[in-house]
Each structure stands twice: as C-alpha cells, then as structure tokens.
Amino acid sequence: MFWEQRDRQLLSGDLVPKLAREAYAGKNVIELGCGGGCNLLSMSGLPGRWVGIDPMPVAIQLLPVLAEAAGLPVPEALEAAAEDVPFADNEFDIALCYSSHQYMDLHLAFAEMDRIVHDAGEVYIIGGILGPFVLESVGRFVKGRSLGTLKYDVGAMANTVSYQFRGRRAIGGGSDNATSTPIYPTARWMRRQLASHNFVVDDAASARLPGCEMAVLAHRR
C-alpha cells in the first residue's frame, strides 16, 4: 500500500539523489533484507542487475504474489541472511539495506558487505539511528501513554547499547534476525564500523530523513 502511495518509487529517492531510481542504472546491486521486494519491483526495467535476499521465507514467497499483482516480472531474490551472503567475492557495485540493518548481527553483516562489494563499490544503509529514535520514543509515550510500546522501545535501546559495547544484544538471546529484537546504532558507531571494513562515509551524500531515520552512504577508501 505504501509503495503504491509513493507511485512505486524507491523510498527517500526524492530526498537523497543517490537513492533515486535512475542513479542505479547499469549497477549490480544487492538488497540485504529485501522483505516482500517492493524496492526490487521499483527497479523493474532499469538496466543492470538487482537481487535481493531475506532470511524470512514468507518474504521470498510473497514476492511473486506482489509482482503479479503489480503486473511486473518477478525479481531475483532468495532466502538468505546478510550475515552469510550466498554470492561471490567482489560481485556487487552496491550493497543496500533499507530499514533492515537493525535486525542483523552487524559485525557479521558488515564483514559480508566488505567481501561482496568490489574495490570501487558502495554501501547504502537507510534506517533508524539511536538519538532520533529515543526522542521519537519519548514523544510516543507522552502522546499515547502506552506501557507496551514503552517497554518495546526501552528494550530496543538496551539492545543497542549492549550491542555497541559488547557485540551482542542484551535481550532476545540468539535471535538476532528477529524483528522483535531491533537495534538502532548511532551514526558515529556506524561510521567506525564501516571504516573498519574499508568503507568511508560520504557526508555530502548522506542525509537525515523524516522520523528517526538516516541515510548513511559510504564508499571504498
């Protein structure tokens, strides 16, 4: 529904030039955590290759249904996790995460991005970050007084702090890919982790987005 409401365009493509559909023309792109594949469908007919992976079987099963409903070809997608990408070294120009990085084990996922993106490649991560998420959470509680929502948000904050300092979530055990245990890393932490995997954040191309999200765009050193 949201995809149709934005005229089937990529999310934030109107706000960040590098995220516009036309900017991907001729590129070899992998989306890590593609969900039901709306971004894949947005790229239909554009020159280049666009492939998605997602660890949730239902997401991959849903993609052909959505493609048929949209009257578009079924994109290339398979069930796999960002922590163990089933593609060769240096295969992609761009690794893309749209609101999916918060459910990953990012230490493993960044290592995989380093492996699959070639020496002139880029990484684009779009999603929530800690500071704006905390402010948004406070606003939600003040407005709705929902203890259930507050508990979820506080759990996400605790998981984020734990992951950034200890390398693992405080709540949720080993279920790092579950949507019930998100993390919202700070932009500074993301910058350091990307640097440790041979990527430099492009400050001119990166941007704060509406809500608690940010587009962090990085290129090779």
C-alpha atoms as a PDB file:
ATOM      1  CA  MET A   1       0.000   0.000   0.000  1.00  0.00           C
ATOM      2  CA  PHE A   2       2.759   2.458   0.950  1.00  0.00           C
ATOM      3  CA  TRP A   3       4.652   1.514  -2.233  1.00  0.00           C
ATOM      4  CA  GLU A   4       1.614   2.321  -4.384  1.00  0.00           C
ATOM      5  CA  GLN A   5       1.039   5.564  -2.476  1.00  0.00           C
ATOM      6  CA  ARG A   6       4.534   6.759  -3.379  1.00  0.00           C
ATOM      7  CA  ASP A   7       3.916   5.900  -7.050  1.00  0.00           C
ATOM      8  CA  ARG A   8       6.069   2.751  -6.821  1.00  0.00           C
ATOM      9  CA  GLN A   9       9.202   4.808  -6.282  1.00  0.00           C
ATOM     10  CA  LEU A  10      12.125   3.916  -4.035  1.00  0.00           C
ATOM     11  CA  LEU A  11      11.752   5.252  -0.516  1.00  0.00           C
ATOM     12  CA  SER A  12      13.652   8.540   0.027  1.00  0.00           C
ATOM     13  CA  GLY A  13      14.706   8.663  -3.629  1.00  0.00           C
ATOM     14  CA  ASP A  14      13.232  12.159  -3.799  1.00  0.00           C
ATOM     15  CA  LEU A  15      15.323  13.281  -0.798  1.00  0.00           C
ATOM     16  CA  VAL A  16      18.719  11.679  -1.465  1.00  0.00           C
ATOM     17  CA  PRO A  17      19.962  11.842  -5.084  1.00  0.00           C
ATOM     18  CA  LYS A  18      21.959   8.595  -4.853  1.00  0.00           C
ATOM     19  CA  LEU A  19      18.807   6.751  -3.772  1.00  0.00           C
ATOM     20  CA  ALA A  20      16.815   7.825  -6.823  1.00  0.00           C
ATOM     21  CA  ARG A  21      15.912   5.007  -9.211  1.00  0.00           C
ATOM     22  CA  GLU A  22      17.894   6.417 -12.116  1.00  0.00           C
ATOM     23  CA  ALA A  23      21.101   6.511 -10.049  1.00  0.00           C
ATOM     24  CA  TYR A  24      21.187   2.696 -10.077  1.00  0.00           C
ATOM     25  CA  ALA A  25      21.137   2.339 -13.867  1.00  0.00           C
ATOM     26  CA  GLY A  26      23.754  -0.133 -15.061  1.00  0.00           C
ATOM     27  CA  LYS A  27      24.709  -1.123 -11.498  1.00  0.00           C
ATOM     28  CA  ASN A  28      24.978  -4.569  -9.943  1.00  0.00           C
ATOM     29  CA  VAL A  29      23.039  -4.130  -6.678  1.00  0.00           C
ATOM     30  CA  ILE A  30      22.144  -6.439  -3.789  1.00  0.00           C
ATOM     31  CA  GLU A  31      19.492  -5.528  -1.236  1.00  0.00           C
ATOM     32  CA  LEU A  32      20.132  -7.179   2.123  1.00  0.00           C
ATOM     33  CA  GLY A  33      16.820  -7.735   3.868  1.00  0.00           C
ATOM     34  CA  CYS A  34      14.582  -7.117   0.864  1.00  0.00           C
ATOM     35  CA  GLY A  35      11.342  -8.128   2.607  1.00  0.00           C
ATOM     36  CA  GLY A  36       8.482  -8.562   0.163  1.00  0.00           C
ATOM     37  CA  GLY A  37      10.529  -6.933  -2.567  1.00  0.00           C
ATOM     38  CA  CYS A  38       8.918  -3.553  -3.247  1.00  0.00           C
ATOM     39  CA  ASN A  39      12.330  -1.969  -3.861  1.00  0.00           C
ATOM     40  CA  LEU A  40      13.160  -4.780  -6.291  1.00  0.00           C
ATOM     41  CA  LEU A  41       9.901  -4.108  -8.127  1.00  0.00           C
ATOM     42  CA  SER A  42      10.704  -0.378  -8.287  1.00  0.00           C
ATOM     43  CA  MET A  43      13.815  -1.213 -10.324  1.00  0.00           C
ATOM     44  CA  SER A  44      11.941  -3.279 -12.892  1.00  0.00           C
ATOM     45  CA  GLY A  45      13.063  -2.423 -16.432  1.00  0.00           C
ATOM     46  CA  LEU A  46      16.147  -0.481 -15.365  1.00  0.00           C
ATOM     47  CA  PRO A  47      19.445  -1.585 -16.964  1.00  0.00           C
ATOM     48  CA  GLY A  48      21.658  -3.505 -14.567  1.00  0.00           C
ATOM     49  CA  ARG A  49      21.126  -6.260 -12.041  1.00  0.00           C
ATOM     50  CA  TRP A  50      19.091  -6.008  -8.851  1.00  0.00           C
ATOM     51  CA  VAL A  51      18.971  -9.001  -6.490  1.00  0.00           C
ATOM     52  CA  GLY A  52      17.520  -9.333  -3.004  1.00  0.00           C
ATOM     53  CA  ILE A  53      17.982 -11.651  -0.056  1.00  0.00           C
ATOM     54  CA  ASP A  54      15.914 -12.017   3.096  1.00  0.00           C
ATOM     55  CA  PRO A  55      16.121 -14.527   5.966  1.00  0.00           C
ATOM     56  CA  MET A  56      12.327 -14.776   6.291  1.00  0.00           C
ATOM     57  CA  PRO A  57      10.883 -17.485   3.981  1.00  0.00           C
ATOM     58  CA  VAL A  58       7.482 -15.795   3.899  1.00  0.00           C
ATOM     59  CA  ALA A  59       9.014 -12.639   2.399  1.00  0.00           C
ATOM     60  CA  ILE A  60      10.537 -14.540  -0.518  1.00  0.00           C
ATOM     61  CA  GLN A  61       7.301 -16.469  -1.003  1.00  0.00           C
ATOM     62  CA  LEU A  62       5.304 -13.242  -1.068  1.00  0.00           C
ATOM     63  CA  LEU A  63       7.421 -11.561  -3.740  1.00  0.00           C
ATOM     64  CA  PRO A  64       5.929 -13.422  -6.769  1.00  0.00           C
ATOM     65  CA  VAL A  65       2.431 -12.627  -5.484  1.00  0.00           C
ATOM     66  CA  LEU A  66       3.216  -8.917  -5.224  1.00  0.00           C
ATOM     67  CA  ALA A  67       4.914  -8.907  -8.628  1.00  0.00           C
ATOM     68  CA  GLU A  68       1.873 -10.494 -10.244  1.00  0.00           C
ATOM     69  CA  ALA A  69      -0.446  -8.007  -8.537  1.00  0.00           C
ATOM     70  CA  ALA A  70       1.730  -5.144  -9.824  1.00  0.00           C
ATOM     71  CA  GLY A  71       1.915  -6.588 -13.330  1.00  0.00           C
ATOM     72  CA  LEU A  72       5.724  -6.767 -13.213  1.00  0.00           C
ATOM     73  CA  PRO A  73       8.288  -9.553 -13.733  1.00  0.00           C
ATOM     74  CA  VAL A  74       9.354 -11.455 -10.632  1.00  0.00           C
ATOM     75  CA  PRO A  75      12.752 -10.070  -9.478  1.00  0.00           C
ATOM     76  CA  GLU A  76      15.723 -12.205  -8.488  1.00  0.00           C
ATOM     77  CA  ALA A  77      15.545 -12.975  -4.760  1.00  0.00           C
ATOM     78  CA  LEU A  78      16.413 -15.812  -2.434  1.00  0.00           C
ATOM     79  CA  GLU A  79      16.187 -16.808   1.190  1.00  0.00           C
ATOM     80  CA  ALA A  80      19.468 -15.939   2.894  1.00  0.00           C
ATOM     81  CA  ALA A  81      20.837 -13.810   5.717  1.00  0.00           C
ATOM     82  CA  ALA A  82      23.063 -10.742   5.467  1.00  0.00           C
ATOM     83  CA  GLU A  83      25.463 -12.494   7.830  1.00  0.00           C
ATOM     84  CA  ASP A  84      26.081 -15.240   5.252  1.00  0.00           C
ATOM     85  CA  VAL A  85      25.507 -13.936   1.726  1.00  0.00           C
ATOM     86  CA  PRO A  86      25.500 -16.697  -0.917  1.00  0.00           C
ATOM     87  CA  PHE A  87      27.348 -14.718  -3.603  1.00  0.00           C
ATOM     88  CA  ALA A  88      30.950 -14.470  -4.720  1.00  0.00           C
ATOM     89  CA  ASP A  89      33.578 -12.003  -3.553  1.00  0.00           C
ATOM     90  CA  ASN A  90      33.554  -8.581  -5.274  1.00  0.00           C
ATOM     91  CA  GLU A  91      30.316  -9.373  -7.125  1.00  0.00           C
ATOM     92  CA  PHE A  92      28.374  -6.166  -6.471  1.00  0.00           C
ATOM     93  CA  ASP A  93      28.662  -2.431  -7.091  1.00  0.00           C
ATOM     94  CA  ILE A  94      26.311  -1.564  -4.218  1.00  0.00           C
ATOM     95  CA  ALA A  95      25.063  -3.289  -1.064  1.00  0.00           C
ATOM     96  CA  LEU A  96      21.808  -1.734   0.114  1.00  0.00           C
ATOM     97  CA  CYS A  97      19.920  -2.024   3.418  1.00  0.00           C
ATOM     98  CA  TYR A  98      16.501  -0.396   3.714  1.00  0.00           C
ATOM     99  CA  SER A  99      15.322  -0.469   7.347  1.00  0.00           C
ATOM    100  CA  SER A 100      16.821  -3.937   7.733  1.00  0.00           C
ATOM    101  CA  HIS A 101      20.216  -3.367   9.363  1.00  0.00           C
ATOM    102  CA  GLN A 102      18.624  -3.037  12.804  1.00  0.00           C
ATOM    103  CA  TYR A 103      17.688  -6.738  12.756  1.00  0.00           C
ATOM    104  CA  MET A 104      21.123  -8.034  11.741  1.00  0.00           C
ATOM    105  CA  ASP A 105      24.262  -9.064  13.558  1.00  0.00           C
ATOM    106  CA  LEU A 106      26.020  -6.067  12.083  1.00  0.00           C
ATOM    107  CA  HIS A 107      29.562  -7.223  12.803  1.00  0.00           C
ATOM    108  CA  LEU A 108      28.993 -10.232  10.549  1.00  0.00           C
ATOM    109  CA  ALA A 109      26.877  -8.307   8.042  1.00  0.00           C
ATOM    110  CA  PHE A 110      29.500  -5.571   7.562  1.00  0.00           C
ATOM    111  CA  ALA A 111      32.153  -8.240   7.021  1.00  0.00           C
ATOM    112  CA  GLU A 112      29.973  -9.752   4.292  1.00  0.00           C
ATOM    113  CA  MET A 113      29.420  -6.355   2.669  1.00  0.00           C
ATOM    114  CA  ASP A 114      33.190  -5.875   2.648  1.00  0.00           C
ATOM    115  CA  ARG A 115      33.552  -9.240   0.924  1.00  0.00           C
ATOM    116  CA  ILE A 116      30.843  -8.968  -1.754  1.00  0.00           C
ATOM    117  CA  VAL A 117      31.321  -5.290  -2.746  1.00  0.00           C
ATOM    118  CA  HIS A 118      34.206  -4.695  -5.144  1.00  0.00           C
ATOM    119  CA  ASP A 119      37.029  -2.203  -4.674  1.00  0.00           C
ATOM    120  CA  ALA A 120      35.151   0.693  -6.260  1.00  0.00           C
ATOM    121  CA  GLY A 121      31.811  -0.205  -4.657  1.00  0.00           C
ATOM    122  CA  GLU A 122      29.492   1.414  -2.138  1.00  0.00           C
ATOM    123  CA  VAL A 123      27.264   0.586   0.841  1.00  0.00           C
ATOM    124  CA  TYR A 124      23.947   2.369   1.449  1.00  0.00           C
ATOM    125  CA  ILE A 125      22.255   1.924   4.846  1.00  0.00           C
ATOM    126  CA  ILE A 126      18.891   3.597   5.413  1.00  0.00           C
ATOM    127  CA  GLY A 127      17.168   3.195   8.764  1.00  0.00           C
ATOM    128  CA  GLY A 128      16.729   4.265  12.339  1.00  0.00           C
ATOM    129  CA  ILE A 129      19.542   5.655  14.495  1.00  0.00           C
ATOM    130  CA  LEU A 130      19.629   5.920  18.278  1.00  0.00           C
ATOM    131  CA  GLY A 131      19.326   9.641  19.065  1.00  0.00           C
ATOM    132  CA  PRO A 132      16.241  10.376  16.961  1.00  0.00           C
ATOM    133  CA  PHE A 133      14.739   7.006  17.957  1.00  0.00           C
ATOM    134  CA  VAL A 134      14.955   7.946  21.665  1.00  0.00           C
ATOM    135  CA  LEU A 135      13.284  11.315  21.015  1.00  0.00           C
ATOM    136  CA  GLU A 136      10.571   9.669  18.935  1.00  0.00           C
ATOM    137  CA  SER A 137      10.005   7.078  21.659  1.00  0.00           C
ATOM    138  CA  VAL A 138       9.569   9.762  24.319  1.00  0.00           C
ATOM    139  CA  GLY A 139       7.096  11.569  22.077  1.00  0.00           C
ATOM    140  CA  ARG A 140       5.105   8.360  21.526  1.00  0.00           C
ATOM    141  CA  PHE A 141       4.871   7.705  25.255  1.00  0.00           C
ATOM    142  CA  VAL A 142       3.859  11.272  26.125  1.00  0.00           C
ATOM    143  CA  LYS A 143       1.158  11.144  23.457  1.00  0.00           C
ATOM    144  CA  GLY A 144      -0.176   7.610  23.937  1.00  0.00           C
ATOM    145  CA  ARG A 145       0.907   6.568  27.458  1.00  0.00           C
ATOM    146  CA  SER A 146       1.297   3.000  26.198  1.00  0.00           C
ATOM    147  CA  LEU A 147       3.408   0.933  28.568  1.00  0.00           C
ATOM    148  CA  GLY A 148       3.638  -1.853  25.971  1.00  0.00           C
ATOM    149  CA  THR A 149       5.180   0.481  23.401  1.00  0.00           C
ATOM    150  CA  LEU A 150       7.497   1.976  26.022  1.00  0.00           C
ATOM    151  CA  LYS A 151       8.681  -1.492  27.049  1.00  0.00           C
ATOM    152  CA  TYR A 152       9.441  -2.372  23.416  1.00  0.00           C
ATOM    153  CA  ASP A 153      11.311   0.892  22.852  1.00  0.00           C
ATOM    154  CA  VAL A 154      13.343   0.611  26.063  1.00  0.00           C
ATOM    155  CA  GLY A 155      14.248  -2.951  25.076  1.00  0.00           C
ATOM    156  CA  ALA A 156      15.491  -1.706  21.716  1.00  0.00           C
ATOM    157  CA  MET A 157      17.580   0.981  23.424  1.00  0.00           C
ATOM    158  CA  ALA A 158      19.085  -1.558  25.842  1.00  0.00           C
ATOM    159  CA  ASN A 159      19.876  -3.901  22.965  1.00  0.00           C
ATOM    160  CA  THR A 160      21.503  -1.071  21.040  1.00  0.00           C
ATOM    161  CA  VAL A 161      23.777  -0.003  23.896  1.00  0.00           C
ATOM    162  CA  SER A 162      24.656  -3.624  24.665  1.00  0.00           C
ATOM    163  CA  TYR A 163      25.428  -4.409  21.030  1.00  0.00           C
ATOM    164  CA  GLN A 164      27.608  -1.350  20.550  1.00  0.00           C
ATOM    165  CA  PHE A 165      29.685  -2.061  23.650  1.00  0.00           C
ATOM    166  CA  ARG A 166      29.544  -5.852  23.980  1.00  0.00           C
ATOM    167  CA  GLY A 167      28.847  -7.063  20.439  1.00  0.00           C
ATOM    168  CA  ARG A 168      25.585  -8.784  21.353  1.00  0.00           C
ATOM    169  CA  ARG A 169      22.053  -7.888  22.314  1.00  0.00           C
ATOM    170  CA  ALA A 170      21.044  -7.793  25.973  1.00  0.00           C
ATOM    171  CA  ILE A 171      17.531  -9.077  25.283  1.00  0.00           C
ATOM    172  CA  GLY A 172      16.428 -11.745  22.833  1.00  0.00           C
ATOM    173  CA  GLY A 173      19.151 -14.366  23.101  1.00  0.00           C
ATOM    174  CA  GLY A 174      20.492 -15.561  19.761  1.00  0.00           C
ATOM    175  CA  SER A 175      17.519 -14.345  17.722  1.00  0.00           C
ATOM    176  CA  ASP A 176      19.485 -11.571  16.013  1.00  0.00           C
ATOM    177  CA  ASN A 177      17.461 -11.686  12.810  1.00  0.00           C
ATOM    178  CA  ALA A 178      14.077 -11.447  14.540  1.00  0.00           C
ATOM    179  CA  THR A 179      12.036  -8.288  14.170  1.00  0.00           C
ATOM    180  CA  SER A 180      11.390  -8.475  17.917  1.00  0.00           C
ATOM    181  CA  THR A 181      14.997  -7.525  18.771  1.00  0.00           C
ATOM    182  CA  PRO A 182      15.932  -4.425  16.763  1.00  0.00           C
ATOM    183  CA  ILE A 183      18.888  -2.149  17.432  1.00  0.00           C
ATOM    184  CA  TYR A 184      19.320   1.486  16.388  1.00  0.00           C
ATOM    185  CA  PRO A 185      23.075   2.169  16.212  1.00  0.00           C
ATOM    186  CA  THR A 186      24.408   5.694  16.468  1.00  0.00           C
ATOM    187  CA  ALA A 187      25.711   7.319  13.292  1.00  0.00           C
ATOM    188  CA  ARG A 188      29.164   7.572  14.910  1.00  0.00           C
ATOM    189  CA  TRP A 189      29.250   3.825  15.665  1.00  0.00           C
ATOM    190  CA  MET A 190      28.174   3.047  12.105  1.00  0.00           C
ATOM    191  CA  ARG A 191      30.957   5.263  10.781  1.00  0.00           C
ATOM    192  CA  ARG A 192      33.578   3.453  12.875  1.00  0.00           C
ATOM    193  CA  GLN A 193      32.348   0.008  11.911  1.00  0.00           C
ATOM    194  CA  LEU A 194      32.224   0.851   8.223  1.00  0.00           C
ATOM    195  CA  ALA A 195      35.751   2.277   8.446  1.00  0.00           C
ATOM    196  CA  SER A 196      36.972  -0.976   9.995  1.00  0.00           C
ATOM    197  CA  HIS A 197      35.624  -2.743   6.906  1.00  0.00           C
ATOM    198  CA  ASN A 198      37.276  -0.402   4.400  1.00  0.00           C
ATOM    199  CA  PHE A 199      34.380   1.992   3.774  1.00  0.00           C
ATOM    200  CA  VAL A 200      34.293   5.771   4.294  1.00  0.00           C
ATOM    201  CA  VAL A 201      31.006   7.572   4.957  1.00  0.00           C
ATOM    202  CA  ASP A 202      30.197  10.163   2.286  1.00  0.00           C
ATOM    203  CA  ASP A 203      28.902  13.053   4.390  1.00  0.00           C
ATOM    204  CA  ALA A 204      27.842  15.059   1.353  1.00  0.00           C
ATOM    205  CA  ALA A 205      25.649  12.221   0.071  1.00  0.00           C
ATOM    206  CA  SER A 206      24.333  11.043   3.461  1.00  0.00           C
ATOM    207  CA  ALA A 207      21.286  12.743   4.987  1.00  0.00           C
ATOM    208  CA  ARG A 208      18.889  12.817   7.907  1.00  0.00           C
ATOM    209  CA  LEU A 209      15.454  11.602   6.888  1.00  0.00           C
ATOM    210  CA  PRO A 210      11.969  12.202   8.326  1.00  0.00           C
ATOM    211  CA  GLY A 211      11.262  10.413  11.600  1.00  0.00           C
ATOM    212  CA  CYS A 212      14.170   8.676  13.323  1.00  0.00           C
ATOM    213  CA  GLU A 213      15.930   7.537  10.150  1.00  0.00           C
ATOM    214  CA  MET A 214      19.142   8.454   8.398  1.00  0.00           C
ATOM    215  CA  ALA A 215      20.683   7.516   5.061  1.00  0.00           C
ATOM    216  CA  VAL A 216      24.309   6.529   5.650  1.00  0.00           C
ATOM    217  CA  LEU A 217      26.102   6.235   2.299  1.00  0.00           C
ATOM    218  CA  ALA A 218      29.686   5.007   2.193  1.00  0.00           C
ATOM    219  CA  HIS A 219      32.266   4.261  -0.478  1.00  0.00           C
ATOM    220  CA  ARG A 220      35.550   2.377  -0.529  1.00  0.00           C
ATOM    221  CA  ARG A 221      38.643   4.035   0.931  1.00  0.00           C
END
